[in-house]
């Protein structure tokens, strides 16, 4: 009789452990079959699709409801190739990680970062690779408020190679120092506009793609206080 009871308890214990293990695996399985997650990887066919996904991704970030957080799954999906839908040229500022604020995770966007979010031949070559070779549909030049690089341009900062970098931002300076916060914000926005113009002027490859409506290039502005991205179309 004792042996029967022991066998019965062993069977019950096995069922409980198996059920718990399955429950632990359920969230990941649900995430992988979530149509929203699949859409983030497969439904980007046009520049407008890419822009819409970035808008929606920033809203998910603000709402605290990200869907692109299964990084191990994303590594598995992208280990052989990549086809990001957008390329983001962003500032070096550590508080503005594009993959997070747009809820894109791994493999969905190319990211180029440099203080002051300005272009140079290396950035342009990277963008040309993204758009012409990998089929990226959207280029976003994203600035932000309280930008240290823009402030350096306003203050005539001098420090090694930083000097030439902030000198490139000086054409964007607008306003006056009577309202320094507004001056920095307006100058940072102007810098985004000038950078877009410079990209189109300096890269015939990208200019042709934009002209043929194969690629769209837009500006964006990130608010450090709220986490919200405003697109400057």
C-alpha atoms as a PDB file:
ATOM      1  CA  UNK A   1       0.000   0.000   0.000  1.00  0.00           C
ATOM      2  CA  UNK A   2       2.868   2.348   0.877  1.00  0.00           C
ATOM      3  CA  UNK A   3       4.487   1.667  -2.500  1.00  0.00           C
ATOM      4  CA  UNK A   4       1.253   2.612  -4.336  1.00  0.00           C
ATOM      5  CA  UNK A   5       1.072   5.888  -2.427  1.00  0.00           C
ATOM      6  CA  UNK A   6       4.688   6.709  -3.254  1.00  0.00           C
ATOM      7  CA  UNK A   7       4.106   5.990  -6.953  1.00  0.00           C
ATOM      8  CA  UNK A   8       0.979   8.178  -6.919  1.00  0.00           C
ATOM      9  CA  UNK A   9       2.873  11.089  -5.305  1.00  0.00           C
ATOM     10  CA  UNK A  10       5.688  10.745  -7.849  1.00  0.00           C
ATOM     11  CA  UNK A  11       3.227  10.937 -10.755  1.00  0.00           C
ATOM     12  CA  UNK A  12       1.525  14.027  -9.289  1.00  0.00           C
ATOM     13  CA  UNK A  13       4.893  15.730  -8.769  1.00  0.00           C
ATOM     14  CA  UNK A  14       5.876  15.062 -12.395  1.00  0.00           C
ATOM     15  CA  UNK A  15       2.611  16.562 -13.683  1.00  0.00           C
ATOM     16  CA  UNK A  16       3.051  19.704 -11.549  1.00  0.00           C
ATOM     17  CA  UNK A  17       6.654  20.247 -12.666  1.00  0.00           C
ATOM     18  CA  UNK A  18       5.754  19.725 -16.337  1.00  0.00           C
ATOM     19  CA  UNK A  19       2.806  22.122 -16.113  1.00  0.00           C
ATOM     20  CA  UNK A  20       4.960  24.788 -14.462  1.00  0.00           C
ATOM     21  CA  UNK A  21       7.669  24.429 -17.099  1.00  0.00           C
ATOM     22  CA  UNK A  22       5.106  24.817 -19.880  1.00  0.00           C
ATOM     23  CA  UNK A  23       3.693  27.910 -18.190  1.00  0.00           C
ATOM     24  CA  UNK A  24       7.143  29.422 -17.987  1.00  0.00           C
ATOM     25  CA  UNK A  25       7.595  28.912 -21.728  1.00  0.00           C
ATOM     26  CA  UNK A  26       4.180  30.289 -22.699  1.00  0.00           C
ATOM     27  CA  UNK A  27       5.042  34.042 -22.690  1.00  0.00           C
ATOM     28  CA  UNK A  28       7.867  33.570 -25.202  1.00  0.00           C
ATOM     29  CA  UNK A  29       5.731  31.361 -27.404  1.00  0.00           C
ATOM     30  CA  UNK A  30       2.935  33.922 -27.298  1.00  0.00           C
ATOM     31  CA  UNK A  31       5.359  36.697 -28.142  1.00  0.00           C
ATOM     32  CA  UNK A  32       6.659  34.859 -31.178  1.00  0.00           C
ATOM     33  CA  UNK A  33       3.130  34.299 -32.481  1.00  0.00           C
ATOM     34  CA  UNK A  34       2.015  37.828 -31.669  1.00  0.00           C
ATOM     35  CA  UNK A  35       0.990  39.399 -35.012  1.00  0.00           C
ATOM     36  CA  UNK A  36       2.267  42.788 -33.858  1.00  0.00           C
ATOM     37  CA  UNK A  37       5.738  41.357 -33.350  1.00  0.00           C
ATOM     38  CA  UNK A  38       5.650  39.662 -36.738  1.00  0.00           C
ATOM     39  CA  UNK A  39       4.408  42.908 -38.327  1.00  0.00           C
ATOM     40  CA  UNK A  40       7.393  44.809 -36.991  1.00  0.00           C
ATOM     41  CA  UNK A  41       9.643  42.485 -39.026  1.00  0.00           C
ATOM     42  CA  UNK A  42       7.649  41.831 -42.187  1.00  0.00           C
ATOM     43  CA  UNK A  43       5.145  44.593 -42.978  1.00  0.00           C
ATOM     44  CA  UNK A  44       7.555  47.359 -44.000  1.00  0.00           C
ATOM     45  CA  UNK A  45       7.311  47.775 -47.769  1.00  0.00           C
ATOM     46  CA  UNK A  46       7.351  51.552 -48.302  1.00  0.00           C
ATOM     47  CA  UNK A  47       8.895  54.657 -46.711  1.00  0.00           C
ATOM     48  CA  UNK A  48       5.465  55.467 -45.297  1.00  0.00           C
ATOM     49  CA  UNK A  49       5.288  52.024 -43.669  1.00  0.00           C
ATOM     50  CA  UNK A  50       8.684  52.582 -42.057  1.00  0.00           C
ATOM     51  CA  UNK A  51       7.723  56.023 -40.766  1.00  0.00           C
ATOM     52  CA  UNK A  52       4.447  54.690 -39.378  1.00  0.00           C
ATOM     53  CA  UNK A  53       6.309  51.905 -37.543  1.00  0.00           C
ATOM     54  CA  UNK A  54       8.709  54.386 -35.942  1.00  0.00           C
ATOM     55  CA  UNK A  55       5.779  56.554 -34.826  1.00  0.00           C
ATOM     56  CA  UNK A  56       4.008  53.534 -33.366  1.00  0.00           C
ATOM     57  CA  UNK A  57       7.217  52.290 -31.795  1.00  0.00           C
ATOM     58  CA  UNK A  58       7.764  55.567 -29.968  1.00  0.00           C
ATOM     59  CA  UNK A  59       4.179  55.417 -28.707  1.00  0.00           C
ATOM     60  CA  UNK A  60       4.779  51.888 -27.417  1.00  0.00           C
ATOM     61  CA  UNK A  61       7.925  53.143 -25.686  1.00  0.00           C
ATOM     62  CA  UNK A  62       6.023  56.006 -24.061  1.00  0.00           C
ATOM     63  CA  UNK A  63       3.200  53.680 -22.987  1.00  0.00           C
ATOM     64  CA  UNK A  64       5.639  51.172 -21.514  1.00  0.00           C
ATOM     65  CA  UNK A  65       4.352  48.454 -23.860  1.00  0.00           C
ATOM     66  CA  UNK A  66       7.287  47.431 -26.053  1.00  0.00           C
ATOM     67  CA  UNK A  67       6.927  44.378 -28.283  1.00  0.00           C
ATOM     68  CA  UNK A  68      10.458  44.070 -29.681  1.00  0.00           C
ATOM     69  CA  UNK A  69      12.213  42.836 -26.558  1.00  0.00           C
ATOM     70  CA  UNK A  70      12.813  39.150 -27.290  1.00  0.00           C
ATOM     71  CA  UNK A  71      16.453  39.789 -28.115  1.00  0.00           C
ATOM     72  CA  UNK A  72      17.507  36.138 -28.252  1.00  0.00           C
ATOM     73  CA  UNK A  73      14.807  35.469 -30.838  1.00  0.00           C
ATOM     74  CA  UNK A  74      15.896  38.543 -32.811  1.00  0.00           C
ATOM     75  CA  UNK A  75      19.509  37.356 -32.765  1.00  0.00           C
ATOM     76  CA  UNK A  76      18.368  34.007 -34.160  1.00  0.00           C
ATOM     77  CA  UNK A  77      16.284  35.671 -36.876  1.00  0.00           C
ATOM     78  CA  UNK A  78      19.049  38.004 -38.033  1.00  0.00           C
ATOM     79  CA  UNK A  79      22.160  35.836 -37.628  1.00  0.00           C
ATOM     80  CA  UNK A  80      22.452  35.224 -41.399  1.00  0.00           C
ATOM     81  CA  UNK A  81      21.349  38.564 -42.860  1.00  0.00           C
ATOM     82  CA  UNK A  82      19.739  41.903 -42.129  1.00  0.00           C
ATOM     83  CA  UNK A  83      17.210  44.118 -43.875  1.00  0.00           C
ATOM     84  CA  UNK A  84      16.471  47.076 -41.589  1.00  0.00           C
ATOM     85  CA  UNK A  85      13.618  49.301 -42.717  1.00  0.00           C
ATOM     86  CA  UNK A  86      15.151  52.600 -41.512  1.00  0.00           C
ATOM     87  CA  UNK A  87      18.472  54.274 -40.828  1.00  0.00           C
ATOM     88  CA  UNK A  88      18.637  56.751 -37.956  1.00  0.00           C
ATOM     89  CA  UNK A  89      21.322  59.425 -37.783  1.00  0.00           C
ATOM     90  CA  UNK A  90      21.274  60.431 -34.136  1.00  0.00           C
ATOM     91  CA  UNK A  91      23.342  62.364 -31.641  1.00  0.00           C
ATOM     92  CA  UNK A  92      25.986  60.653 -29.528  1.00  0.00           C
ATOM     93  CA  UNK A  93      24.026  61.566 -26.377  1.00  0.00           C
ATOM     94  CA  UNK A  94      23.670  58.472 -24.171  1.00  0.00           C
ATOM     95  CA  UNK A  95      20.073  59.336 -23.300  1.00  0.00           C
ATOM     96  CA  UNK A  96      18.802  58.766 -26.834  1.00  0.00           C
ATOM     97  CA  UNK A  97      19.167  55.094 -27.853  1.00  0.00           C
ATOM     98  CA  UNK A  98      17.125  54.802 -31.096  1.00  0.00           C
ATOM     99  CA  UNK A  99      16.592  51.042 -30.815  1.00  0.00           C
ATOM    100  CA  UNK A 100      14.854  51.616 -27.466  1.00  0.00           C
ATOM    101  CA  UNK A 101      12.929  54.861 -27.970  1.00  0.00           C
ATOM    102  CA  UNK A 102      11.467  53.491 -31.219  1.00  0.00           C
ATOM    103  CA  UNK A 103      10.994  49.970 -29.773  1.00  0.00           C
ATOM    104  CA  UNK A 104      12.870  48.324 -32.649  1.00  0.00           C
ATOM    105  CA  UNK A 105      15.195  45.912 -30.885  1.00  0.00           C
ATOM    106  CA  UNK A 106      17.819  44.072 -32.942  1.00  0.00           C
ATOM    107  CA  UNK A 107      17.840  44.027 -36.743  1.00  0.00           C
ATOM    108  CA  UNK A 108      15.095  46.501 -37.584  1.00  0.00           C
ATOM    109  CA  UNK A 109      17.058  49.762 -37.918  1.00  0.00           C
ATOM    110  CA  UNK A 110      20.527  50.919 -38.862  1.00  0.00           C
ATOM    111  CA  UNK A 111      21.882  53.488 -36.401  1.00  0.00           C
ATOM    112  CA  UNK A 112      24.655  56.024 -36.976  1.00  0.00           C
ATOM    113  CA  UNK A 113      25.570  58.222 -34.017  1.00  0.00           C
ATOM    114  CA  UNK A 114      27.819  61.250 -33.787  1.00  0.00           C
ATOM    115  CA  UNK A 115      27.767  64.351 -31.601  1.00  0.00           C
ATOM    116  CA  UNK A 116      25.461  66.875 -33.230  1.00  0.00           C
ATOM    117  CA  UNK A 117      23.955  64.275 -35.621  1.00  0.00           C
ATOM    118  CA  UNK A 118      25.860  65.624 -38.629  1.00  0.00           C
ATOM    119  CA  UNK A 119      26.900  63.814 -41.774  1.00  0.00           C
ATOM    120  CA  UNK A 120      30.367  63.228 -43.191  1.00  0.00           C
ATOM    121  CA  UNK A 121      31.645  60.983 -46.016  1.00  0.00           C
ATOM    122  CA  UNK A 122      31.684  57.967 -43.686  1.00  0.00           C
ATOM    123  CA  UNK A 123      28.083  58.514 -42.599  1.00  0.00           C
ATOM    124  CA  UNK A 124      27.029  59.122 -46.219  1.00  0.00           C
ATOM    125  CA  UNK A 125      28.704  55.914 -47.371  1.00  0.00           C
ATOM    126  CA  UNK A 126      26.948  54.007 -44.600  1.00  0.00           C
ATOM    127  CA  UNK A 127      23.592  55.495 -45.599  1.00  0.00           C
ATOM    128  CA  UNK A 128      24.200  54.608 -49.238  1.00  0.00           C
ATOM    129  CA  UNK A 129      24.931  51.025 -48.224  1.00  0.00           C
ATOM    130  CA  UNK A 130      21.756  50.927 -46.129  1.00  0.00           C
ATOM    131  CA  UNK A 131      19.470  52.336 -48.812  1.00  0.00           C
ATOM    132  CA  UNK A 132      20.939  51.141 -52.102  1.00  0.00           C
ATOM    133  CA  UNK A 133      22.320  47.760 -51.038  1.00  0.00           C
ATOM    134  CA  UNK A 134      20.081  46.637 -48.169  1.00  0.00           C
ATOM    135  CA  UNK A 135      16.864  48.300 -49.303  1.00  0.00           C
ATOM    136  CA  UNK A 136      16.273  50.562 -46.324  1.00  0.00           C
ATOM    137  CA  UNK A 137      13.213  52.733 -46.981  1.00  0.00           C
ATOM    138  CA  UNK A 138      13.624  55.639 -44.570  1.00  0.00           C
ATOM    139  CA  UNK A 139      16.372  57.975 -43.380  1.00  0.00           C
ATOM    140  CA  UNK A 140      15.758  59.881 -40.157  1.00  0.00           C
ATOM    141  CA  UNK A 141      18.023  62.687 -38.961  1.00  0.00           C
ATOM    142  CA  UNK A 142      17.203  63.102 -35.275  1.00  0.00           C
ATOM    143  CA  UNK A 143      18.264  65.975 -33.049  1.00  0.00           C
ATOM    144  CA  UNK A 144      17.230  66.727 -29.487  1.00  0.00           C
ATOM    145  CA  UNK A 145      16.817  69.487 -26.956  1.00  0.00           C
ATOM    146  CA  UNK A 146      19.658  70.474 -24.618  1.00  0.00           C
ATOM    147  CA  UNK A 147      22.213  69.207 -27.144  1.00  0.00           C
ATOM    148  CA  UNK A 148      25.739  69.542 -25.787  1.00  0.00           C
ATOM    149  CA  UNK A 149      27.265  69.714 -29.252  1.00  0.00           C
ATOM    150  CA  UNK A 150      25.027  72.602 -30.267  1.00  0.00           C
ATOM    151  CA  UNK A 151      25.821  74.346 -26.996  1.00  0.00           C
ATOM    152  CA  UNK A 152      29.498  73.849 -27.773  1.00  0.00           C
ATOM    153  CA  UNK A 153      28.981  75.605 -31.107  1.00  0.00           C
ATOM    154  CA  UNK A 154      27.186  78.491 -29.412  1.00  0.00           C
ATOM    155  CA  UNK A 155      29.918  78.780 -26.770  1.00  0.00           C
ATOM    156  CA  UNK A 156      32.782  78.440 -29.287  1.00  0.00           C
ATOM    157  CA  UNK A 157      34.117  75.337 -27.532  1.00  0.00           C
ATOM    158  CA  UNK A 158      37.706  74.380 -28.332  1.00  0.00           C
ATOM    159  CA  UNK A 159      39.083  70.926 -27.530  1.00  0.00           C
ATOM    160  CA  UNK A 160      41.196  68.853 -29.890  1.00  0.00           C
ATOM    161  CA  UNK A 161      39.109  67.386 -32.699  1.00  0.00           C
ATOM    162  CA  UNK A 162      35.918  68.576 -31.023  1.00  0.00           C
ATOM    163  CA  UNK A 163      36.706  72.088 -32.248  1.00  0.00           C
ATOM    164  CA  UNK A 164      36.238  71.223 -35.915  1.00  0.00           C
ATOM    165  CA  UNK A 165      33.104  69.242 -35.106  1.00  0.00           C
ATOM    166  CA  UNK A 166      31.296  72.101 -33.349  1.00  0.00           C
ATOM    167  CA  UNK A 167      32.464  74.478 -36.087  1.00  0.00           C
ATOM    168  CA  UNK A 168      30.341  72.428 -38.498  1.00  0.00           C
ATOM    169  CA  UNK A 169      27.296  73.183 -36.342  1.00  0.00           C
ATOM    170  CA  UNK A 170      27.727  76.958 -36.292  1.00  0.00           C
ATOM    171  CA  UNK A 171      25.706  77.621 -39.491  1.00  0.00           C
ATOM    172  CA  UNK A 172      22.677  76.276 -37.617  1.00  0.00           C
ATOM    173  CA  UNK A 173      22.912  78.745 -34.735  1.00  0.00           C
ATOM    174  CA  UNK A 174      19.808  80.887 -34.586  1.00  0.00           C
ATOM    175  CA  UNK A 175      18.214  83.213 -32.029  1.00  0.00           C
ATOM    176  CA  UNK A 176      19.995  85.085 -29.272  1.00  0.00           C
ATOM    177  CA  UNK A 177      21.364  84.296 -25.843  1.00  0.00           C
ATOM    178  CA  UNK A 178      18.644  86.200 -24.000  1.00  0.00           C
ATOM    179  CA  UNK A 179      16.687  82.920 -24.006  1.00  0.00           C
ATOM    180  CA  UNK A 180      19.399  80.230 -24.039  1.00  0.00           C
ATOM    181  CA  UNK A 181      17.085  77.207 -23.843  1.00  0.00           C
ATOM    182  CA  UNK A 182      14.997  78.398 -26.777  1.00  0.00           C
ATOM    183  CA  UNK A 183      18.139  79.293 -28.688  1.00  0.00           C
ATOM    184  CA  UNK A 184      19.577  75.792 -28.248  1.00  0.00           C
ATOM    185  CA  UNK A 185      16.293  74.128 -29.229  1.00  0.00           C
ATOM    186  CA  UNK A 186      15.792  76.231 -32.353  1.00  0.00           C
ATOM    187  CA  UNK A 187      19.431  75.834 -33.351  1.00  0.00           C
ATOM    188  CA  UNK A 188      19.258  72.053 -32.891  1.00  0.00           C
ATOM    189  CA  UNK A 189      16.152  71.908 -35.104  1.00  0.00           C
ATOM    190  CA  UNK A 190      17.838  74.078 -37.715  1.00  0.00           C
ATOM    191  CA  UNK A 191      20.826  71.750 -37.616  1.00  0.00           C
ATOM    192  CA  UNK A 192      18.550  68.818 -38.495  1.00  0.00           C
ATOM    193  CA  UNK A 193      17.226  70.727 -41.505  1.00  0.00           C
ATOM    194  CA  UNK A 194      20.718  71.674 -42.702  1.00  0.00           C
ATOM    195  CA  UNK A 195      21.970  68.115 -42.269  1.00  0.00           C
ATOM    196  CA  UNK A 196      19.157  66.765 -44.432  1.00  0.00           C
ATOM    197  CA  UNK A 197      19.962  69.346 -47.107  1.00  0.00           C
ATOM    198  CA  UNK A 198      23.658  68.426 -46.935  1.00  0.00           C
ATOM    199  CA  UNK A 199      22.892  64.708 -47.286  1.00  0.00           C
ATOM    200  CA  UNK A 200      20.852  65.281 -50.430  1.00  0.00           C
ATOM    201  CA  UNK A 201      23.475  67.637 -51.839  1.00  0.00           C
ATOM    202  CA  UNK A 202      26.461  65.417 -51.066  1.00  0.00           C
ATOM    203  CA  UNK A 203      25.004  62.027 -52.039  1.00  0.00           C
ATOM    204  CA  UNK A 204      23.619  61.677 -55.582  1.00  0.00           C
ATOM    205  CA  UNK A 205      22.838  58.056 -54.720  1.00  0.00           C
ATOM    206  CA  UNK A 206      20.464  59.031 -51.915  1.00  0.00           C
ATOM    207  CA  UNK A 207      19.108  62.037 -53.818  1.00  0.00           C
ATOM    208  CA  UNK A 208      18.084  59.793 -56.724  1.00  0.00           C
ATOM    209  CA  UNK A 209      16.401  57.287 -54.408  1.00  0.00           C
ATOM    210  CA  UNK A 210      14.460  60.110 -52.758  1.00  0.00           C
ATOM    211  CA  UNK A 211      13.559  61.633 -56.130  1.00  0.00           C
ATOM    212  CA  UNK A 212      12.189  58.278 -57.291  1.00  0.00           C
ATOM    213  CA  UNK A 213      10.154  57.850 -54.070  1.00  0.00           C
ATOM    214  CA  UNK A 214      12.103  54.722 -53.167  1.00  0.00           C
ATOM    215  CA  UNK A 215      13.448  56.350 -50.005  1.00  0.00           C
ATOM    216  CA  UNK A 216      12.144  59.109 -47.758  1.00  0.00           C
ATOM    217  CA  UNK A 217      14.302  61.377 -45.614  1.00  0.00           C
ATOM    218  CA  UNK A 218      12.782  63.197 -42.642  1.00  0.00           C
ATOM    219  CA  UNK A 219      13.868  65.096 -39.580  1.00  0.00           C
ATOM    220  CA  UNK A 220      12.943  64.235 -36.017  1.00  0.00           C
ATOM    221  CA  UNK A 221      13.393  65.871 -32.638  1.00  0.00           C
ATOM    222  CA  UNK A 222      13.598  64.032 -29.331  1.00  0.00           C
ATOM    223  CA  UNK A 223      12.501  65.554 -26.032  1.00  0.00           C
ATOM    224  CA  UNK A 224      14.804  64.476 -23.205  1.00  0.00           C
ATOM    225  CA  UNK A 225      12.146  65.286 -20.607  1.00  0.00           C
ATOM    226  CA  UNK A 226       9.297  63.239 -22.032  1.00  0.00           C
ATOM    227  CA  UNK A 227      10.851  60.644 -24.343  1.00  0.00           C
ATOM    228  CA  UNK A 228       8.595  61.796 -27.176  1.00  0.00           C
ATOM    229  CA  UNK A 229       9.807  62.046 -30.764  1.00  0.00           C
ATOM    230  CA  UNK A 230       8.371  64.776 -32.976  1.00  0.00           C
ATOM    231  CA  UNK A 231       8.800  64.198 -36.705  1.00  0.00           C
ATOM    232  CA  UNK A 232       9.633  67.277 -38.746  1.00  0.00           C
ATOM    233  CA  UNK A 233       7.968  66.580 -42.086  1.00  0.00           C
END
